[in-house]
């Protein structure tokens, strides 16, 4: 049964990532937008400019009074700074510029976590079915420009979703080669986090570290080119993707242990879909399970790939349904 009044205004929802920004209109909370406006984030100077362009393209009638935006940033300061996008803005100023009553912000991986609660069968690929514990937390994480994560917990008949900075746990190398890579990255950045190896940024950092270790000058300068080289059989590119996959599985296993996420681990983000069939899920699961005597604890945990093309927008709609 619809929960939307015939005269209800739509809500503008937006997902602002380090690489791409998406927006749509929610007329039925819990349902995904029927149309999505998608552009490179750096095509715009800030949130107000992007939302204004989205409103022009989507041409809602009636016009929304509210916007709910998922952003890749901590939200404990105003103005908000999106480091990977080069944006700095105040939500209240954006609302004023656009003539909206409210612009509310949500951590981007909280939106991804809410999406987990609303996925249909066509929106996910089961990598390992396992045996989900229905009352246990779930974990959403994945590599995009960085490495994001969120914790989803049952709460009565509903859910609660909590932001996590799991991408910034320390990377735990498992081999001599990985230790050398971690040392190179640590020297460069002062710390080798999981994000520095298990993300788009990580693909670039691993590549530069390998070239330095092996005494070669880097010839590729971005994650897309490095990943493409690996997919086409280049040995250095293949090694980079293998280390990135190991690091992602390793971090996912650590976070699942830390949060008790026996309800399932849901992988999203932009890197895995971009790699397509070249992404080695079995390699990831081996790294996920490589926890010594606690491998048996993780063995039944379901592993799910989120395949919805605009999962964060779906998550924002699910959050609205829950009263967000």
C-alpha atoms as a PDB file:
ATOM      1  CA  UNK A   1       0.000   0.000   0.000  1.00  0.00           C
ATOM      2  CA  UNK A   2       1.323   3.442  -0.888  1.00  0.00           C
ATOM      3  CA  UNK A   3       2.365   5.682   1.988  1.00  0.00           C
ATOM      4  CA  UNK A   4       2.538   8.756  -0.230  1.00  0.00           C
ATOM      5  CA  UNK A   5      -0.266  11.338  -0.315  1.00  0.00           C
ATOM      6  CA  UNK A   6      -1.416  12.310  -3.835  1.00  0.00           C
ATOM      7  CA  UNK A   7      -0.258  15.877  -3.224  1.00  0.00           C
ATOM      8  CA  UNK A   8       3.010  14.956  -1.498  1.00  0.00           C
ATOM      9  CA  UNK A   9       6.104  16.640  -2.828  1.00  0.00           C
ATOM     10  CA  UNK A  10       8.987  14.452  -3.990  1.00  0.00           C
ATOM     11  CA  UNK A  11      12.294  14.466  -2.130  1.00  0.00           C
ATOM     12  CA  UNK A  12      15.473  15.155  -4.061  1.00  0.00           C
ATOM     13  CA  UNK A  13      18.076  12.524  -3.173  1.00  0.00           C
ATOM     14  CA  UNK A  14      21.724  12.707  -4.198  1.00  0.00           C
ATOM     15  CA  UNK A  15      24.822  10.548  -3.849  1.00  0.00           C
ATOM     16  CA  UNK A  16      28.058  12.535  -4.037  1.00  0.00           C
ATOM     17  CA  UNK A  17      31.089  10.343  -4.543  1.00  0.00           C
ATOM     18  CA  UNK A  18      34.696  11.212  -5.178  1.00  0.00           C
ATOM     19  CA  UNK A  19      34.309  10.343  -8.869  1.00  0.00           C
ATOM     20  CA  UNK A  20      30.614  10.516  -9.771  1.00  0.00           C
ATOM     21  CA  UNK A  21      27.563  12.339  -8.421  1.00  0.00           C
ATOM     22  CA  UNK A  22      24.014  11.038  -8.882  1.00  0.00           C
ATOM     23  CA  UNK A  23      20.602  12.471  -8.065  1.00  0.00           C
ATOM     24  CA  UNK A  24      16.982  11.416  -8.395  1.00  0.00           C
ATOM     25  CA  UNK A  25      13.499  12.104  -7.076  1.00  0.00           C
ATOM     26  CA  UNK A  26      11.803   9.905  -4.480  1.00  0.00           C
ATOM     27  CA  UNK A  27       8.029  10.011  -4.683  1.00  0.00           C
ATOM     28  CA  UNK A  28       7.465   6.725  -2.822  1.00  0.00           C
ATOM     29  CA  UNK A  29       9.773   6.269   0.210  1.00  0.00           C
ATOM     30  CA  UNK A  30      11.454   2.898   0.023  1.00  0.00           C
ATOM     31  CA  UNK A  31      11.365   2.762  -3.784  1.00  0.00           C
ATOM     32  CA  UNK A  32      14.321   3.805  -5.979  1.00  0.00           C
ATOM     33  CA  UNK A  33      14.090   6.910  -8.172  1.00  0.00           C
ATOM     34  CA  UNK A  34      12.724   6.140 -11.618  1.00  0.00           C
ATOM     35  CA  UNK A  35      15.186   8.552 -13.288  1.00  0.00           C
ATOM     36  CA  UNK A  36      18.783   9.244 -12.281  1.00  0.00           C
ATOM     37  CA  UNK A  37      20.892  12.306 -13.135  1.00  0.00           C
ATOM     38  CA  UNK A  38      24.593  11.263 -13.206  1.00  0.00           C
ATOM     39  CA  UNK A  39      27.640  13.419 -13.870  1.00  0.00           C
ATOM     40  CA  UNK A  40      31.368  13.495 -12.946  1.00  0.00           C
ATOM     41  CA  UNK A  41      31.661  15.135  -9.536  1.00  0.00           C
ATOM     42  CA  UNK A  42      34.442  17.448 -10.620  1.00  0.00           C
ATOM     43  CA  UNK A  43      32.231  18.872 -13.366  1.00  0.00           C
ATOM     44  CA  UNK A  44      30.696  21.050 -10.626  1.00  0.00           C
ATOM     45  CA  UNK A  45      32.165  23.505  -8.147  1.00  0.00           C
ATOM     46  CA  UNK A  46      29.934  22.473  -5.267  1.00  0.00           C
ATOM     47  CA  UNK A  47      26.767  20.820  -4.037  1.00  0.00           C
ATOM     48  CA  UNK A  48      24.439  23.735  -4.856  1.00  0.00           C
ATOM     49  CA  UNK A  49      25.589  23.803  -8.486  1.00  0.00           C
ATOM     50  CA  UNK A  50      25.131  20.034  -8.849  1.00  0.00           C
ATOM     51  CA  UNK A  51      21.677  19.950  -7.235  1.00  0.00           C
ATOM     52  CA  UNK A  52      20.539  22.908  -9.343  1.00  0.00           C
ATOM     53  CA  UNK A  53      21.613  21.076 -12.507  1.00  0.00           C
ATOM     54  CA  UNK A  54      19.817  17.929 -11.341  1.00  0.00           C
ATOM     55  CA  UNK A  55      16.610  19.859 -10.689  1.00  0.00           C
ATOM     56  CA  UNK A  56      16.749  21.416 -14.137  1.00  0.00           C
ATOM     57  CA  UNK A  57      17.223  18.014 -15.761  1.00  0.00           C
ATOM     58  CA  UNK A  58      14.642  16.147 -13.664  1.00  0.00           C
ATOM     59  CA  UNK A  59      12.100  19.017 -13.824  1.00  0.00           C
ATOM     60  CA  UNK A  60       9.953  17.878 -10.898  1.00  0.00           C
ATOM     61  CA  UNK A  61       6.332  19.009 -10.629  1.00  0.00           C
ATOM     62  CA  UNK A  62       5.582  19.711  -7.846  1.00  0.00           C
ATOM     63  CA  UNK A  63       9.033  20.909  -6.871  1.00  0.00           C
ATOM     64  CA  UNK A  64      10.691  19.291  -3.827  1.00  0.00           C
ATOM     65  CA  UNK A  65      11.085  21.157  -0.569  1.00  0.00           C
ATOM     66  CA  UNK A  66      13.731  18.807   0.828  1.00  0.00           C
ATOM     67  CA  UNK A  67      16.949  17.236  -0.326  1.00  0.00           C
ATOM     68  CA  UNK A  68      18.729  14.297   1.320  1.00  0.00           C
ATOM     69  CA  UNK A  69      22.314  13.840   0.195  1.00  0.00           C
ATOM     70  CA  UNK A  70      24.829  11.057   0.797  1.00  0.00           C
ATOM     71  CA  UNK A  71      28.336  12.483   0.969  1.00  0.00           C
ATOM     72  CA  UNK A  72      31.774  10.916   1.296  1.00  0.00           C
ATOM     73  CA  UNK A  73      32.800  12.888   4.359  1.00  0.00           C
ATOM     74  CA  UNK A  74      32.549  13.018   8.148  1.00  0.00           C
ATOM     75  CA  UNK A  75      29.536  15.171   9.075  1.00  0.00           C
ATOM     76  CA  UNK A  76      30.624  16.633  12.406  1.00  0.00           C
ATOM     77  CA  UNK A  77      31.618  20.037  10.976  1.00  0.00           C
ATOM     78  CA  UNK A  78      29.830  22.847   9.141  1.00  0.00           C
ATOM     79  CA  UNK A  79      30.906  23.685   6.481  1.00  0.00           C
ATOM     80  CA  UNK A  80      31.404  20.173   5.157  1.00  0.00           C
ATOM     81  CA  UNK A  81      34.529  19.388   3.160  1.00  0.00           C
ATOM     82  CA  UNK A  82      34.544  16.677   0.506  1.00  0.00           C
ATOM     83  CA  UNK A  83      38.276  16.112   0.157  1.00  0.00           C
ATOM     84  CA  UNK A  84      38.118  13.782  -2.834  1.00  0.00           C
ATOM     85  CA  UNK A  85      35.751  16.132  -4.691  1.00  0.00           C
ATOM     86  CA  UNK A  86      37.328  19.448  -3.735  1.00  0.00           C
ATOM     87  CA  UNK A  87      33.966  20.763  -2.448  1.00  0.00           C
ATOM     88  CA  UNK A  88      33.294  22.847   0.655  1.00  0.00           C
ATOM     89  CA  UNK A  89      29.736  23.879   1.540  1.00  0.00           C
ATOM     90  CA  UNK A  90      27.189  24.562   4.284  1.00  0.00           C
ATOM     91  CA  UNK A  91      23.904  22.604   3.984  1.00  0.00           C
ATOM     92  CA  UNK A  92      21.853  25.584   5.181  1.00  0.00           C
ATOM     93  CA  UNK A  93      23.457  27.853   2.580  1.00  0.00           C
ATOM     94  CA  UNK A  94      22.784  25.291  -0.156  1.00  0.00           C
ATOM     95  CA  UNK A  95      19.121  25.115   0.914  1.00  0.00           C
ATOM     96  CA  UNK A  96      18.867  28.897   0.807  1.00  0.00           C
ATOM     97  CA  UNK A  97      20.498  29.087  -2.629  1.00  0.00           C
ATOM     98  CA  UNK A  98      18.043  26.545  -4.052  1.00  0.00           C
ATOM     99  CA  UNK A  99      14.927  27.741  -2.255  1.00  0.00           C
ATOM    100  CA  UNK A 100      14.569  24.487  -0.308  1.00  0.00           C
ATOM    101  CA  UNK A 101      13.281  24.155   3.242  1.00  0.00           C
ATOM    102  CA  UNK A 102      16.027  21.666   4.149  1.00  0.00           C
ATOM    103  CA  UNK A 103      19.165  20.043   2.802  1.00  0.00           C
ATOM    104  CA  UNK A 104      20.062  17.096   5.045  1.00  0.00           C
ATOM    105  CA  UNK A 105      23.248  15.052   4.797  1.00  0.00           C
ATOM    106  CA  UNK A 106      23.966  11.390   5.383  1.00  0.00           C
ATOM    107  CA  UNK A 107      27.313   9.621   5.327  1.00  0.00           C
ATOM    108  CA  UNK A 108      27.605   7.897   1.949  1.00  0.00           C
ATOM    109  CA  UNK A 109      28.150   4.476   3.467  1.00  0.00           C
ATOM    110  CA  UNK A 110      25.210   4.897   5.808  1.00  0.00           C
ATOM    111  CA  UNK A 111      23.192   5.276   2.603  1.00  0.00           C
ATOM    112  CA  UNK A 112      24.806   2.101   1.256  1.00  0.00           C
ATOM    113  CA  UNK A 113      23.907   0.386   4.520  1.00  0.00           C
ATOM    114  CA  UNK A 114      20.276   1.422   4.199  1.00  0.00           C
ATOM    115  CA  UNK A 115      20.340   0.037   0.668  1.00  0.00           C
ATOM    116  CA  UNK A 116      21.186  -3.386   2.095  1.00  0.00           C
ATOM    117  CA  UNK A 117      17.820  -3.329   3.906  1.00  0.00           C
ATOM    118  CA  UNK A 118      15.935  -2.687   0.637  1.00  0.00           C
ATOM    119  CA  UNK A 119      17.693  -4.884  -1.933  1.00  0.00           C
ATOM    120  CA  UNK A 120      15.593  -7.097  -4.160  1.00  0.00           C
ATOM    121  CA  UNK A 121      16.767 -10.361  -5.649  1.00  0.00           C
ATOM    122  CA  UNK A 122      17.890  -8.673  -8.874  1.00  0.00           C
ATOM    123  CA  UNK A 123      19.921  -6.124  -6.903  1.00  0.00           C
ATOM    124  CA  UNK A 124      22.429  -8.598  -5.491  1.00  0.00           C
ATOM    125  CA  UNK A 125      24.677 -11.475  -6.459  1.00  0.00           C
ATOM    126  CA  UNK A 126      25.265 -14.219  -3.917  1.00  0.00           C
ATOM    127  CA  UNK A 127      28.983 -15.009  -3.827  1.00  0.00           C
ATOM    128  CA  UNK A 128      28.750 -17.329  -0.832  1.00  0.00           C
ATOM    129  CA  UNK A 129      25.290 -18.231   0.458  1.00  0.00           C
ATOM    130  CA  UNK A 130      26.415 -19.262   3.926  1.00  0.00           C
ATOM    131  CA  UNK A 131      23.900 -19.315   6.756  1.00  0.00           C
ATOM    132  CA  UNK A 132      22.857 -15.806   7.813  1.00  0.00           C
ATOM    133  CA  UNK A 133      22.038 -15.154  11.451  1.00  0.00           C
ATOM    134  CA  UNK A 134      18.962 -12.966  11.058  1.00  0.00           C
ATOM    135  CA  UNK A 135      19.372 -11.166  14.392  1.00  0.00           C
ATOM    136  CA  UNK A 136      23.062 -10.430  13.858  1.00  0.00           C
ATOM    137  CA  UNK A 137      24.529  -7.237  12.381  1.00  0.00           C
ATOM    138  CA  UNK A 138      25.329  -6.945   8.703  1.00  0.00           C
ATOM    139  CA  UNK A 139      28.333  -5.181   7.231  1.00  0.00           C
ATOM    140  CA  UNK A 140      28.351  -3.042   4.088  1.00  0.00           C
ATOM    141  CA  UNK A 141      31.702  -2.074   2.617  1.00  0.00           C
ATOM    142  CA  UNK A 142      33.422  -1.583  -0.663  1.00  0.00           C
ATOM    143  CA  UNK A 143      36.141   0.083  -2.674  1.00  0.00           C
ATOM    144  CA  UNK A 144      35.452   3.224  -4.643  1.00  0.00           C
ATOM    145  CA  UNK A 145      37.796   6.176  -4.685  1.00  0.00           C
ATOM    146  CA  UNK A 146      38.336   5.223  -1.021  1.00  0.00           C
ATOM    147  CA  UNK A 147      37.148   2.307   1.132  1.00  0.00           C
ATOM    148  CA  UNK A 148      33.811   2.840   2.877  1.00  0.00           C
ATOM    149  CA  UNK A 149      31.917   0.794   5.439  1.00  0.00           C
ATOM    150  CA  UNK A 150      28.794   0.805   7.593  1.00  0.00           C
ATOM    151  CA  UNK A 151      27.145  -1.474  10.148  1.00  0.00           C
ATOM    152  CA  UNK A 152      23.488  -2.480   9.806  1.00  0.00           C
ATOM    153  CA  UNK A 153      21.689  -3.821  12.880  1.00  0.00           C
ATOM    154  CA  UNK A 154      18.143  -5.152  13.357  1.00  0.00           C
ATOM    155  CA  UNK A 155      16.036  -2.961  15.651  1.00  0.00           C
ATOM    156  CA  UNK A 156      12.619  -4.466  16.334  1.00  0.00           C
ATOM    157  CA  UNK A 157      10.827  -4.564  12.988  1.00  0.00           C
ATOM    158  CA  UNK A 158      13.149  -1.968  11.491  1.00  0.00           C
ATOM    159  CA  UNK A 159      16.875  -1.349  11.126  1.00  0.00           C
ATOM    160  CA  UNK A 160      19.525   1.041  12.341  1.00  0.00           C
ATOM    161  CA  UNK A 161      22.583   1.917  10.301  1.00  0.00           C
ATOM    162  CA  UNK A 162      25.801   3.263  11.774  1.00  0.00           C
ATOM    163  CA  UNK A 163      28.670   5.001  10.020  1.00  0.00           C
ATOM    164  CA  UNK A 164      32.060   3.366  10.344  1.00  0.00           C
ATOM    165  CA  UNK A 165      35.556   4.477   9.432  1.00  0.00           C
ATOM    166  CA  UNK A 166      36.594   0.895   8.818  1.00  0.00           C
ATOM    167  CA  UNK A 167      38.622   1.892   5.781  1.00  0.00           C
ATOM    168  CA  UNK A 168      41.134   3.554   8.088  1.00  0.00           C
ATOM    169  CA  UNK A 169      42.059   0.490  10.117  1.00  0.00           C
ATOM    170  CA  UNK A 170      45.707  -0.399   9.627  1.00  0.00           C
ATOM    171  CA  UNK A 171      46.483  -2.697   6.721  1.00  0.00           C
ATOM    172  CA  UNK A 172      47.702  -6.087   7.970  1.00  0.00           C
ATOM    173  CA  UNK A 173      50.161  -7.504   5.415  1.00  0.00           C
ATOM    174  CA  UNK A 174      50.320 -11.296   5.232  1.00  0.00           C
ATOM    175  CA  UNK A 175      53.425 -11.901   3.077  1.00  0.00           C
ATOM    176  CA  UNK A 176      56.920 -10.486   2.717  1.00  0.00           C
ATOM    177  CA  UNK A 177      55.884  -8.789  -0.534  1.00  0.00           C
ATOM    178  CA  UNK A 178      52.875  -7.177   1.143  1.00  0.00           C
ATOM    179  CA  UNK A 179      55.045  -6.045   4.041  1.00  0.00           C
ATOM    180  CA  UNK A 180      57.405  -4.341   1.581  1.00  0.00           C
ATOM    181  CA  UNK A 181      54.438  -2.668  -0.146  1.00  0.00           C
ATOM    182  CA  UNK A 182      53.028  -1.517   3.210  1.00  0.00           C
ATOM    183  CA  UNK A 183      56.414  -0.099   4.183  1.00  0.00           C
ATOM    184  CA  UNK A 184      56.643   1.879   0.934  1.00  0.00           C
ATOM    185  CA  UNK A 185      53.124   3.247   1.357  1.00  0.00           C
ATOM    186  CA  UNK A 186      53.727   4.029   5.030  1.00  0.00           C
ATOM    187  CA  UNK A 187      56.858   5.992   4.168  1.00  0.00           C
ATOM    188  CA  UNK A 188      54.924   7.967   1.584  1.00  0.00           C
ATOM    189  CA  UNK A 189      51.813   8.740   3.640  1.00  0.00           C
ATOM    190  CA  UNK A 190      52.836   8.214   7.266  1.00  0.00           C
ATOM    191  CA  UNK A 191      50.411   5.289   7.693  1.00  0.00           C
ATOM    192  CA  UNK A 192      49.284   2.364   5.565  1.00  0.00           C
ATOM    193  CA  UNK A 193      45.553   1.984   6.137  1.00  0.00           C
ATOM    194  CA  UNK A 194      43.285  -0.588   4.517  1.00  0.00           C
ATOM    195  CA  UNK A 195      42.023   2.195   2.236  1.00  0.00           C
ATOM    196  CA  UNK A 196      45.557   2.820   0.961  1.00  0.00           C
ATOM    197  CA  UNK A 197      45.566  -0.649  -0.606  1.00  0.00           C
ATOM    198  CA  UNK A 198      41.907  -1.723  -0.979  1.00  0.00           C
ATOM    199  CA  UNK A 199      40.428   1.056  -3.147  1.00  0.00           C
ATOM    200  CA  UNK A 200      40.945   3.090  -6.287  1.00  0.00           C
ATOM    201  CA  UNK A 201      43.506   5.121  -4.363  1.00  0.00           C
ATOM    202  CA  UNK A 202      45.010   1.808  -3.303  1.00  0.00           C
ATOM    203  CA  UNK A 203      45.429   0.568  -6.855  1.00  0.00           C
ATOM    204  CA  UNK A 204      47.571   3.617  -7.585  1.00  0.00           C
ATOM    205  CA  UNK A 205      49.511   3.347  -4.297  1.00  0.00           C
ATOM    206  CA  UNK A 206      50.245  -0.379  -4.713  1.00  0.00           C
ATOM    207  CA  UNK A 207      51.432   0.181  -8.277  1.00  0.00           C
ATOM    208  CA  UNK A 208      53.820   2.954  -7.263  1.00  0.00           C
ATOM    209  CA  UNK A 209      55.094   0.866  -4.336  1.00  0.00           C
ATOM    210  CA  UNK A 210      55.769  -2.172  -6.546  1.00  0.00           C
ATOM    211  CA  UNK A 211      57.602  -0.069  -9.119  1.00  0.00           C
ATOM    212  CA  UNK A 212      59.753   1.478  -6.365  1.00  0.00           C
ATOM    213  CA  UNK A 213      60.522  -1.904  -4.785  1.00  0.00           C
ATOM    214  CA  UNK A 214      61.493  -3.381  -8.149  1.00  0.00           C
ATOM    215  CA  UNK A 215      63.556  -0.338  -9.160  1.00  0.00           C
ATOM    216  CA  UNK A 216      61.320   0.824 -12.012  1.00  0.00           C
ATOM    217  CA  UNK A 217      59.800   4.191 -12.813  1.00  0.00           C
ATOM    218  CA  UNK A 218      55.972   4.232 -12.869  1.00  0.00           C
ATOM    219  CA  UNK A 219      54.572   4.593 -16.381  1.00  0.00           C
ATOM    220  CA  UNK A 220      50.843   4.484 -15.565  1.00  0.00           C
ATOM    221  CA  UNK A 221      49.353   7.334 -13.583  1.00  0.00           C
ATOM    222  CA  UNK A 222      45.783   6.430 -12.603  1.00  0.00           C
ATOM    223  CA  UNK A 223      43.798   3.532 -11.204  1.00  0.00           C
ATOM    224  CA  UNK A 224      41.762   3.001 -14.369  1.00  0.00           C
ATOM    225  CA  UNK A 225      44.861   2.571 -16.547  1.00  0.00           C
ATOM    226  CA  UNK A 226      46.534   0.265 -14.020  1.00  0.00           C
ATOM    227  CA  UNK A 227      43.419  -1.887 -13.641  1.00  0.00           C
ATOM    228  CA  UNK A 228      42.950  -2.064 -17.411  1.00  0.00           C
ATOM    229  CA  UNK A 229      46.563  -3.191 -17.817  1.00  0.00           C
ATOM    230  CA  UNK A 230      45.985  -5.920 -15.252  1.00  0.00           C
ATOM    231  CA  UNK A 231      42.793  -7.049 -16.957  1.00  0.00           C
ATOM    232  CA  UNK A 232      44.707  -7.260 -20.250  1.00  0.00           C
ATOM    233  CA  UNK A 233      47.402  -9.488 -18.745  1.00  0.00           C
ATOM    234  CA  UNK A 234      50.154  -7.029 -17.790  1.00  0.00           C
ATOM    235  CA  UNK A 235      52.057  -8.782 -14.963  1.00  0.00           C
ATOM    236  CA  UNK A 236      52.472  -5.692 -12.783  1.00  0.00           C
ATOM    237  CA  UNK A 237      48.833  -4.734 -13.225  1.00  0.00           C
ATOM    238  CA  UNK A 238      47.780  -8.288 -12.373  1.00  0.00           C
ATOM    239  CA  UNK A 239      49.906  -8.223  -9.236  1.00  0.00           C
ATOM    240  CA  UNK A 240      48.374  -4.902  -8.213  1.00  0.00           C
ATOM    241  CA  UNK A 241      44.830  -6.287  -8.555  1.00  0.00           C
ATOM    242  CA  UNK A 242      45.774  -9.408  -6.606  1.00  0.00           C
ATOM    243  CA  UNK A 243      47.149  -7.370  -3.686  1.00  0.00           C
ATOM    244  CA  UNK A 244      44.121  -5.052  -3.757  1.00  0.00           C
ATOM    245  CA  UNK A 245      41.777  -8.055  -3.634  1.00  0.00           C
ATOM    246  CA  UNK A 246      43.728  -9.681  -0.787  1.00  0.00           C
ATOM    247  CA  UNK A 247      43.671  -6.424   1.169  1.00  0.00           C
ATOM    248  CA  UNK A 248      39.926  -6.012   0.674  1.00  0.00           C
ATOM    249  CA  UNK A 249      39.172  -9.555   1.816  1.00  0.00           C
ATOM    250  CA  UNK A 250      41.549  -9.181   4.742  1.00  0.00           C
ATOM    251  CA  UNK A 251      39.928  -5.923   5.888  1.00  0.00           C
ATOM    252  CA  UNK A 252      36.427  -7.345   5.422  1.00  0.00           C
ATOM    253  CA  UNK A 253      37.301 -10.314   7.612  1.00  0.00           C
ATOM    254  CA  UNK A 254      38.735  -8.051  10.313  1.00  0.00           C
ATOM    255  CA  UNK A 255      35.648  -5.833  10.285  1.00  0.00           C
ATOM    256  CA  UNK A 256      33.275  -8.815  10.313  1.00  0.00           C
ATOM    257  CA  UNK A 257      35.075 -10.189  13.366  1.00  0.00           C
ATOM    258  CA  UNK A 258      35.067  -6.792  15.080  1.00  0.00           C
ATOM    259  CA  UNK A 259      31.354  -6.155  14.500  1.00  0.00           C
ATOM    260  CA  UNK A 260      29.964  -9.688  14.707  1.00  0.00           C
ATOM    261  CA  UNK A 261      28.504  -9.258  11.213  1.00  0.00           C
ATOM    262  CA  UNK A 262      27.185 -12.802  10.896  1.00  0.00           C
ATOM    263  CA  UNK A 263      24.099 -11.548   9.082  1.00  0.00           C
ATOM    264  CA  UNK A 264      26.194 -11.085   5.949  1.00  0.00           C
ATOM    265  CA  UNK A 265      28.867  -8.948   4.340  1.00  0.00           C
ATOM    266  CA  UNK A 266      27.639  -6.834   1.408  1.00  0.00           C
ATOM    267  CA  UNK A 267      30.199  -5.489  -1.061  1.00  0.00           C
ATOM    268  CA  UNK A 268      29.440  -2.310  -3.007  1.00  0.00           C
ATOM    269  CA  UNK A 269      31.464   0.597  -4.341  1.00  0.00           C
ATOM    270  CA  UNK A 270      32.545   1.357  -7.879  1.00  0.00           C
ATOM    271  CA  UNK A 271      35.769  -0.647  -8.264  1.00  0.00           C
ATOM    272  CA  UNK A 272      34.376  -4.194  -8.235  1.00  0.00           C
ATOM    273  CA  UNK A 273      31.719  -3.535 -10.930  1.00  0.00           C
ATOM    274  CA  UNK A 274      34.364  -1.793 -13.054  1.00  0.00           C
ATOM    275  CA  UNK A 275      36.562  -4.896 -12.903  1.00  0.00           C
ATOM    276  CA  UNK A 276      33.636  -7.139 -13.801  1.00  0.00           C
ATOM    277  CA  UNK A 277      34.628 -10.742 -14.461  1.00  0.00           C
ATOM    278  CA  UNK A 278      38.264  -9.895 -13.764  1.00  0.00           C
ATOM    279  CA  UNK A 279      37.493  -9.483 -10.070  1.00  0.00           C
ATOM    280  CA  UNK A 280      38.516 -12.668  -8.243  1.00  0.00           C
ATOM    281  CA  UNK A 281      35.795 -13.368  -5.669  1.00  0.00           C
ATOM    282  CA  UNK A 282      37.352 -16.662  -4.622  1.00  0.00           C
ATOM    283  CA  UNK A 283      40.634 -14.923  -3.870  1.00  0.00           C
ATOM    284  CA  UNK A 284      38.749 -12.347  -1.811  1.00  0.00           C
ATOM    285  CA  UNK A 285      36.973 -15.065   0.179  1.00  0.00           C
ATOM    286  CA  UNK A 286      40.249 -16.873   0.903  1.00  0.00           C
ATOM    287  CA  UNK A 287      41.653 -13.643   2.337  1.00  0.00           C
ATOM    288  CA  UNK A 288      38.374 -13.035   4.226  1.00  0.00           C
ATOM    289  CA  UNK A 289      38.648 -16.438   5.914  1.00  0.00           C
ATOM    290  CA  UNK A 290      42.390 -16.281   6.661  1.00  0.00           C
ATOM    291  CA  UNK A 291      41.945 -15.583  10.384  1.00  0.00           C
ATOM    292  CA  UNK A 292      43.603 -18.638  11.909  1.00  0.00           C
ATOM    293  CA  UNK A 293      41.456 -20.306  14.542  1.00  0.00           C
ATOM    294  CA  UNK A 294      38.594 -17.886  13.810  1.00  0.00           C
ATOM    295  CA  UNK A 295      38.221 -18.962  10.184  1.00  0.00           C
ATOM    296  CA  UNK A 296      35.414 -21.266  11.341  1.00  0.00           C
ATOM    297  CA  UNK A 297      33.604 -18.248  12.838  1.00  0.00           C
ATOM    298  CA  UNK A 298      33.583 -16.552   9.433  1.00  0.00           C
ATOM    299  CA  UNK A 299      32.923 -19.653   7.305  1.00  0.00           C
ATOM    300  CA  UNK A 300      29.081 -19.402   7.427  1.00  0.00           C
ATOM    301  CA  UNK A 301      28.951 -15.615   6.882  1.00  0.00           C
ATOM    302  CA  UNK A 302      27.152 -14.842   3.587  1.00  0.00           C
ATOM    303  CA  UNK A 303      29.082 -12.761   1.074  1.00  0.00           C
ATOM    304  CA  UNK A 304      26.905 -10.682  -1.246  1.00  0.00           C
ATOM    305  CA  UNK A 305      27.798  -8.384  -4.140  1.00  0.00           C
ATOM    306  CA  UNK A 306      25.453  -5.396  -4.409  1.00  0.00           C
ATOM    307  CA  UNK A 307      24.597  -4.976  -8.088  1.00  0.00           C
ATOM    308  CA  UNK A 308      21.973  -2.202  -7.926  1.00  0.00           C
ATOM    309  CA  UNK A 309      23.258   0.570 -10.241  1.00  0.00           C
ATOM    310  CA  UNK A 310      22.287   3.387  -7.831  1.00  0.00           C
ATOM    311  CA  UNK A 311      22.434   1.642  -4.478  1.00  0.00           C
ATOM    312  CA  UNK A 312      23.036   4.791  -2.417  1.00  0.00           C
ATOM    313  CA  UNK A 313      19.928   6.455  -3.899  1.00  0.00           C
ATOM    314  CA  UNK A 314      17.918   3.343  -3.032  1.00  0.00           C
ATOM    315  CA  UNK A 315      19.389   3.553   0.471  1.00  0.00           C
ATOM    316  CA  UNK A 316      18.402   7.198   0.848  1.00  0.00           C
ATOM    317  CA  UNK A 317      14.843   6.257  -0.139  1.00  0.00           C
ATOM    318  CA  UNK A 318      14.859   3.412   2.406  1.00  0.00           C
ATOM    319  CA  UNK A 319      16.048   5.871   5.050  1.00  0.00           C
ATOM    320  CA  UNK A 320      13.148   8.182   4.196  1.00  0.00           C
ATOM    321  CA  UNK A 321      10.734   5.284   4.606  1.00  0.00           C
ATOM    322  CA  UNK A 322      12.180   4.675   8.047  1.00  0.00           C
ATOM    323  CA  UNK A 323      11.593   8.310   9.003  1.00  0.00           C
ATOM    324  CA  UNK A 324      14.927   9.840   7.920  1.00  0.00           C
END
